[in-house]
Amino acid sequence: MSTESSAPGELYGTIAIKNNTLEAFENRTLVRRYTIEFSCPEFTCLCPRSGFPDFATINIKYIPHKMCVELKSLKLYINGFRDKKVFHEDVTNQILDDLVKLLDPWDIEVVGDFSVRGNIKTVITSKHSKK
């Protein structure tokens, strides 16, 4: 399988991640507020100082307004960080910002629960609420 934007021999998963765009669909249950939660336990990115991999579980919890995130696009989006050099604080806030821009939810929280590295465990919590 190949596309115009793929290099020879590039795997279909790599192509899907590279070409991914976060997608949303209409919330079909506007009569009440409800909570959607996702756990992404295989998150990876690279330390911008050392280049070593960082591993985390990214937890996303939101109350949708008019839109919901499409899960396959979210999976590919999350996997898109695996080769990016980014600090824990920045990646957690970037995920939050991208989802707020896409969904405009009532409330959303993104927690980056990073694995121990150098004897330090880092948990970043970022929140947004509509006013």
N, C-alpha and C. Protein backbone atom coordinates (compact mmCIF):
# COMPACT_ATOMS: atom_id res chain seq x y z
N MET A 1 0.85 -1.17 0.00
CA MET A 1 0.00 0.00 0.00
C MET A 1 0.89 1.23 0.00
N SER A 2 0.66 2.15 -0.90
CA SER A 2 1.45 3.37 -0.92
C SER A 2 0.57 4.54 -1.31
N THR A 3 1.02 5.72 -0.92
CA THR A 3 0.34 6.95 -1.29
C THR A 3 1.39 7.92 -1.79
N GLU A 4 0.94 9.04 -2.34
CA GLU A 4 1.88 10.03 -2.85
C GLU A 4 2.81 10.55 -1.77
N SER A 5 2.33 10.63 -0.53
CA SER A 5 3.13 11.22 0.54
C SER A 5 3.97 10.19 1.29
N SER A 6 4.03 8.97 0.80
CA SER A 6 4.79 7.95 1.52
C SER A 6 6.12 7.68 0.83
N ALA A 7 7.10 7.32 1.63
CA ALA A 7 8.40 6.93 1.11
C ALA A 7 8.34 5.46 0.71
N PRO A 8 9.19 5.04 -0.22
CA PRO A 8 9.19 3.62 -0.61
C PRO A 8 9.43 2.73 0.61
N GLY A 9 8.61 1.70 0.75
CA GLY A 9 8.76 0.76 1.84
C GLY A 9 8.16 1.22 3.17
N GLU A 10 7.55 2.41 3.18
CA GLU A 10 6.96 2.92 4.42
C GLU A 10 5.73 2.08 4.77
N LEU A 11 5.61 1.71 6.03
CA LEU A 11 4.52 0.84 6.48
C LEU A 11 3.21 1.61 6.56
N TYR A 12 2.09 0.90 6.38
CA TYR A 12 0.79 1.55 6.35
C TYR A 12 0.45 2.26 7.66
N GLY A 13 0.91 1.72 8.81
CA GLY A 13 0.66 2.39 10.09
C GLY A 13 1.40 3.71 10.19
N THR A 14 2.63 3.74 9.72
CA THR A 14 3.42 4.97 9.72
C THR A 14 2.76 6.01 8.83
N ILE A 15 2.26 5.58 7.69
CA ILE A 15 1.58 6.49 6.76
C ILE A 15 0.31 7.03 7.40
N ALA A 16 -0.47 6.15 8.04
CA ALA A 16 -1.73 6.58 8.67
C ALA A 16 -1.48 7.60 9.78
N ILE A 17 -0.44 7.38 10.58
CA ILE A 17 -0.11 8.33 11.65
C ILE A 17 0.32 9.67 11.06
N LYS A 18 1.18 9.62 10.05
CA LYS A 18 1.70 10.84 9.43
C LYS A 18 0.59 11.67 8.77
N ASN A 19 -0.38 11.01 8.16
CA ASN A 19 -1.44 11.71 7.43
C ASN A 19 -2.67 12.00 8.27
N ASN A 20 -2.66 11.65 9.55
CA ASN A 20 -3.84 11.77 10.40
C ASN A 20 -4.21 13.22 10.71
N THR A 21 -5.50 13.43 10.84
CA THR A 21 -6.07 14.67 11.33
C THR A 21 -7.10 14.30 12.39
N LEU A 22 -7.05 14.99 13.54
CA LEU A 22 -8.07 14.75 14.56
C LEU A 22 -9.44 15.04 13.97
N GLU A 23 -10.39 14.16 14.21
CA GLU A 23 -11.74 14.32 13.67
C GLU A 23 -12.76 14.30 14.80
N ALA A 24 -13.89 14.95 14.54
CA ALA A 24 -14.99 14.98 15.50
C ALA A 24 -16.28 14.59 14.79
N PHE A 25 -17.26 14.19 15.58
CA PHE A 25 -18.60 13.93 15.05
C PHE A 25 -19.60 14.59 16.00
N GLU A 26 -20.81 14.79 15.51
CA GLU A 26 -21.82 15.47 16.31
C GLU A 26 -22.26 14.65 17.51
N ASN A 27 -22.35 15.31 18.64
CA ASN A 27 -22.90 14.70 19.85
C ASN A 27 -24.40 14.51 19.63
N ARG A 28 -24.85 13.28 19.69
CA ARG A 28 -26.25 12.97 19.43
C ARG A 28 -27.10 12.97 20.70
N THR A 29 -26.49 13.25 21.85
CA THR A 29 -27.23 13.26 23.12
C THR A 29 -27.06 14.61 23.78
N LEU A 30 -27.81 15.58 23.29
CA LEU A 30 -27.71 16.95 23.82
C LEU A 30 -28.68 17.21 24.96
N VAL A 31 -29.51 16.23 25.30
CA VAL A 31 -30.52 16.42 26.35
C VAL A 31 -29.93 16.37 27.76
N ARG A 32 -28.67 15.91 27.88
CA ARG A 32 -28.03 15.86 29.19
C ARG A 32 -26.53 15.98 29.03
N ARG A 33 -25.88 16.35 30.09
CA ARG A 33 -24.41 16.34 30.12
C ARG A 33 -23.96 14.97 30.62
N TYR A 34 -22.93 14.45 30.01
CA TYR A 34 -22.38 13.15 30.38
C TYR A 34 -20.86 13.20 30.18
N THR A 35 -20.17 12.26 30.76
CA THR A 35 -18.71 12.23 30.74
C THR A 35 -18.20 11.12 29.85
N ILE A 36 -17.16 11.45 29.07
CA ILE A 36 -16.46 10.47 28.24
C ILE A 36 -15.03 10.41 28.77
N GLU A 37 -14.52 9.18 28.96
CA GLU A 37 -13.16 9.01 29.45
C GLU A 37 -12.39 8.06 28.54
N PHE A 38 -11.13 8.42 28.28
CA PHE A 38 -10.22 7.57 27.51
C PHE A 38 -8.94 7.39 28.29
N SER A 39 -8.35 6.22 28.17
CA SER A 39 -7.02 5.97 28.71
C SER A 39 -6.15 5.49 27.56
N CYS A 40 -5.00 6.14 27.40
CA CYS A 40 -4.05 5.79 26.33
C CYS A 40 -2.76 5.32 27.02
N PRO A 41 -2.66 4.02 27.36
CA PRO A 41 -1.57 3.53 28.20
C PRO A 41 -0.25 3.29 27.48
N GLU A 42 -0.19 3.48 26.18
CA GLU A 42 1.04 3.20 25.44
C GLU A 42 1.65 4.46 24.83
N PHE A 43 1.43 5.61 25.46
CA PHE A 43 1.93 6.87 24.92
C PHE A 43 3.46 6.92 25.01
N THR A 44 4.09 7.38 23.95
CA THR A 44 5.53 7.62 23.95
C THR A 44 5.84 8.92 23.24
N CYS A 45 6.90 9.56 23.70
CA CYS A 45 7.47 10.73 23.03
C CYS A 45 8.97 10.70 23.36
N LEU A 46 9.70 11.70 22.92
CA LEU A 46 11.13 11.75 23.17
C LEU A 46 11.48 12.94 24.05
N CYS A 47 12.42 12.75 24.95
CA CYS A 47 12.92 13.84 25.78
C CYS A 47 13.68 14.82 24.88
N PRO A 48 13.33 16.11 24.91
CA PRO A 48 14.01 17.07 24.03
C PRO A 48 15.46 17.35 24.43
N ARG A 49 15.85 16.96 25.63
CA ARG A 49 17.24 17.20 26.07
C ARG A 49 18.14 16.01 25.78
N SER A 50 17.61 14.79 26.00
CA SER A 50 18.46 13.60 25.86
C SER A 50 18.14 12.78 24.61
N GLY A 51 16.91 12.90 24.12
CA GLY A 51 16.48 12.05 23.01
C GLY A 51 15.99 10.68 23.46
N PHE A 52 16.09 10.39 24.78
CA PHE A 52 15.60 9.12 25.30
C PHE A 52 14.08 9.10 25.26
N PRO A 53 13.49 7.91 25.12
CA PRO A 53 12.03 7.83 25.09
C PRO A 53 11.42 8.06 26.47
N ASP A 54 10.28 8.71 26.46
CA ASP A 54 9.45 8.87 27.67
C ASP A 54 8.18 8.08 27.44
N PHE A 55 7.71 7.41 28.48
CA PHE A 55 6.51 6.58 28.40
C PHE A 55 5.48 7.12 29.37
N ALA A 56 4.21 7.08 28.97
CA ALA A 56 3.16 7.61 29.84
C ALA A 56 1.83 6.95 29.53
N THR A 57 0.93 7.13 30.46
CA THR A 57 -0.49 6.89 30.21
C THR A 57 -1.13 8.26 30.12
N ILE A 58 -1.80 8.52 29.03
CA ILE A 58 -2.53 9.78 28.87
C ILE A 58 -4.00 9.47 29.14
N ASN A 59 -4.56 10.16 30.12
CA ASN A 59 -5.98 10.02 30.45
C ASN A 59 -6.71 11.29 30.04
N ILE A 60 -7.79 11.10 29.30
CA ILE A 60 -8.60 12.21 28.80
C ILE A 60 -10.01 12.02 29.33
N LYS A 61 -10.56 13.06 29.92
CA LYS A 61 -11.91 13.01 30.48
C LYS A 61 -12.60 14.30 30.08
N TYR A 62 -13.75 14.19 29.40
CA TYR A 62 -14.43 15.41 28.99
C TYR A 62 -15.94 15.27 29.01
N ILE A 63 -16.59 16.41 29.11
CA ILE A 63 -18.05 16.51 28.99
C ILE A 63 -18.31 17.19 27.66
N PRO A 64 -18.81 16.44 26.68
CA PRO A 64 -18.98 17.02 25.35
C PRO A 64 -20.09 18.07 25.32
N HIS A 65 -19.92 19.02 24.42
CA HIS A 65 -20.99 19.96 24.14
C HIS A 65 -21.63 19.51 22.84
N LYS A 66 -21.24 20.07 21.71
CA LYS A 66 -21.87 19.69 20.44
C LYS A 66 -21.09 18.63 19.66
N MET A 67 -19.82 18.40 20.05
CA MET A 67 -18.99 17.48 19.28
C MET A 67 -18.31 16.46 20.19
N CYS A 68 -18.00 15.28 19.60
CA CYS A 68 -17.24 14.22 20.27
C CYS A 68 -16.04 13.86 19.39
N VAL A 69 -14.96 13.41 20.00
CA VAL A 69 -13.78 13.04 19.22
C VAL A 69 -13.96 11.64 18.65
N GLU A 70 -13.53 11.46 17.42
CA GLU A 70 -13.58 10.17 16.75
C GLU A 70 -12.36 9.35 17.21
N LEU A 71 -12.58 8.13 17.66
CA LEU A 71 -11.55 7.36 18.35
C LEU A 71 -10.35 6.96 17.49
N LYS A 72 -10.57 6.54 16.26
CA LYS A 72 -9.41 6.15 15.44
C LYS A 72 -8.51 7.35 15.19
N SER A 73 -9.09 8.51 14.94
CA SER A 73 -8.27 9.70 14.72
C SER A 73 -7.51 10.08 15.99
N LEU A 74 -8.13 9.87 17.16
CA LEU A 74 -7.45 10.14 18.43
C LEU A 74 -6.28 9.17 18.62
N LYS A 75 -6.48 7.90 18.31
CA LYS A 75 -5.42 6.90 18.43
C LYS A 75 -4.23 7.29 17.55
N LEU A 76 -4.49 7.65 16.32
CA LEU A 76 -3.40 8.02 15.41
C LEU A 76 -2.73 9.32 15.85
N TYR A 77 -3.51 10.27 16.34
CA TYR A 77 -2.99 11.53 16.86
C TYR A 77 -2.03 11.27 18.02
N ILE A 78 -2.47 10.46 18.98
CA ILE A 78 -1.64 10.13 20.15
C ILE A 78 -0.35 9.44 19.70
N ASN A 79 -0.45 8.51 18.75
CA ASN A 79 0.75 7.82 18.25
C ASN A 79 1.68 8.75 17.49
N GLY A 80 1.18 9.88 17.03
CA GLY A 80 2.00 10.84 16.31
C GLY A 80 3.07 11.50 17.16
N PHE A 81 2.99 11.36 18.47
CA PHE A 81 3.99 11.96 19.36
C PHE A 81 5.23 11.08 19.55
N ARG A 82 5.20 9.85 19.07
CA ARG A 82 6.26 8.89 19.40
C ARG A 82 7.65 9.32 18.96
N ASP A 83 7.76 10.11 17.92
CA ASP A 83 9.07 10.57 17.44
C ASP A 83 9.30 12.06 17.68
N LYS A 84 8.41 12.69 18.45
CA LYS A 84 8.53 14.13 18.71
C LYS A 84 9.29 14.37 20.01
N LYS A 85 10.17 15.35 19.96
CA LYS A 85 10.90 15.77 21.16
C LYS A 85 10.07 16.83 21.86
N VAL A 86 9.53 16.48 23.04
CA VAL A 86 8.60 17.38 23.72
C VAL A 86 8.65 17.12 25.23
N PHE A 87 8.59 18.19 26.00
CA PHE A 87 8.56 18.08 27.46
C PHE A 87 7.19 17.58 27.92
N HIS A 88 7.15 16.92 29.07
CA HIS A 88 5.91 16.38 29.63
C HIS A 88 4.83 17.46 29.74
N GLU A 89 5.21 18.61 30.28
CA GLU A 89 4.25 19.70 30.49
C GLU A 89 3.66 20.17 29.16
N ASP A 90 4.53 20.28 28.16
CA ASP A 90 4.09 20.78 26.85
C ASP A 90 3.17 19.81 26.13
N VAL A 91 3.51 18.52 26.17
CA VAL A 91 2.68 17.55 25.45
C VAL A 91 1.30 17.44 26.07
N THR A 92 1.23 17.48 27.39
CA THR A 92 -0.07 17.39 28.07
C THR A 92 -0.93 18.59 27.70
N ASN A 93 -0.34 19.77 27.72
CA ASN A 93 -1.09 20.98 27.37
C ASN A 93 -1.41 21.06 25.88
N GLN A 94 -0.54 20.53 25.04
CA GLN A 94 -0.82 20.52 23.60
C GLN A 94 -2.02 19.63 23.28
N ILE A 95 -2.07 18.46 23.91
CA ILE A 95 -3.21 17.57 23.70
C ILE A 95 -4.50 18.27 24.15
N LEU A 96 -4.46 18.90 25.32
CA LEU A 96 -5.62 19.64 25.81
C LEU A 96 -6.02 20.73 24.82
N ASP A 97 -5.07 21.55 24.39
CA ASP A 97 -5.38 22.65 23.46
C ASP A 97 -5.98 22.14 22.16
N ASP A 98 -5.41 21.06 21.61
CA ASP A 98 -5.93 20.52 20.35
C ASP A 98 -7.35 19.99 20.50
N LEU A 99 -7.63 19.34 21.63
CA LEU A 99 -8.99 18.82 21.85
C LEU A 99 -9.99 19.93 22.13
N VAL A 100 -9.57 20.96 22.86
CA VAL A 100 -10.47 22.10 23.10
C VAL A 100 -10.81 22.78 21.77
N LYS A 101 -9.80 22.96 20.93
CA LYS A 101 -10.03 23.60 19.61
C LYS A 101 -10.98 22.75 18.75
N LEU A 102 -10.81 21.44 18.77
CA LEU A 102 -11.63 20.54 17.97
C LEU A 102 -13.06 20.42 18.49
N LEU A 103 -13.21 20.31 19.82
CA LEU A 103 -14.49 19.91 20.41
C LEU A 103 -15.27 21.03 21.08
N ASP A 104 -14.59 22.03 21.62
CA ASP A 104 -15.23 23.07 22.43
C ASP A 104 -16.14 22.42 23.49
N PRO A 105 -15.57 21.55 24.33
CA PRO A 105 -16.38 20.82 25.32
C PRO A 105 -16.78 21.69 26.50
N TRP A 106 -17.76 21.21 27.27
CA TRP A 106 -18.13 21.92 28.50
C TRP A 106 -16.94 21.92 29.45
N ASP A 107 -16.37 20.75 29.66
CA ASP A 107 -15.20 20.59 30.54
C ASP A 107 -14.31 19.52 29.93
N ILE A 108 -13.00 19.68 30.18
CA ILE A 108 -12.06 18.65 29.73
C ILE A 108 -10.84 18.66 30.65
N GLU A 109 -10.31 17.47 30.88
CA GLU A 109 -9.10 17.31 31.67
C GLU A 109 -8.21 16.29 30.97
N VAL A 110 -6.94 16.63 30.84
CA VAL A 110 -5.95 15.71 30.29
C VAL A 110 -4.87 15.51 31.35
N VAL A 111 -4.61 14.24 31.66
CA VAL A 111 -3.59 13.90 32.64
C VAL A 111 -2.51 13.09 31.93
N GLY A 112 -1.28 13.58 32.00
CA GLY A 112 -0.11 12.84 31.51
C GLY A 112 0.56 12.19 32.69
N ASP A 113 0.43 10.88 32.82
CA ASP A 113 0.99 10.12 33.94
C ASP A 113 2.23 9.41 33.41
N PHE A 114 3.39 10.06 33.57
CA PHE A 114 4.64 9.59 32.98
C PHE A 114 5.34 8.58 33.87
N SER A 115 5.95 7.59 33.23
CA SER A 115 6.69 6.55 33.96
C SER A 115 7.90 7.14 34.66
N VAL A 116 8.33 6.45 35.70
CA VAL A 116 9.50 6.89 36.45
C VAL A 116 10.70 6.93 35.53
N ARG A 117 11.46 8.03 35.65
CA ARG A 117 12.70 8.18 34.89
C ARG A 117 13.67 8.98 35.75
N GLY A 118 14.83 8.45 35.99
CA GLY A 118 15.80 9.13 36.84
C GLY A 118 15.32 9.28 38.27
N ASN A 119 14.54 8.30 38.74
CA ASN A 119 14.01 8.27 40.10
C ASN A 119 12.93 9.32 40.34
N ILE A 120 12.35 9.88 39.28
CA ILE A 120 11.29 10.88 39.42
C ILE A 120 10.09 10.46 38.57
N LYS A 121 8.93 10.48 39.19
CA LYS A 121 7.67 10.22 38.48
C LYS A 121 6.96 11.56 38.30
N THR A 122 6.48 11.81 37.09
CA THR A 122 5.83 13.08 36.78
C THR A 122 4.39 12.84 36.38
N VAL A 123 3.48 13.61 36.96
CA VAL A 123 2.07 13.59 36.57
C VAL A 123 1.67 15.04 36.29
N ILE A 124 1.22 15.29 35.08
CA ILE A 124 0.79 16.63 34.66
C ILE A 124 -0.71 16.59 34.45
N THR A 125 -1.44 17.51 35.09
CA THR A 125 -2.89 17.62 34.92
C THR A 125 -3.19 19.00 34.34
N SER A 126 -3.92 19.00 33.23
CA SER A 126 -4.30 20.24 32.57
C SER A 126 -5.81 20.22 32.35
N LYS A 127 -6.47 21.34 32.68
CA LYS A 127 -7.94 21.40 32.62
C LYS A 127 -8.41 22.62 31.85
N HIS A 128 -9.62 22.51 31.32
CA HIS A 128 -10.27 23.63 30.65
C HIS A 128 -11.79 23.50 30.88
N SER A 129 -12.43 24.64 31.15
CA SER A 129 -13.89 24.67 31.28
C SER A 129 -14.43 25.86 30.50
N LYS A 130 -15.62 25.68 29.93
CA LYS A 130 -16.30 26.79 29.27
C LYS A 130 -16.76 27.78 30.34
N LYS A 131 -16.76 29.01 29.99
CA LYS A 131 -17.23 30.04 30.94
C LYS A 131 -18.70 30.28 30.78
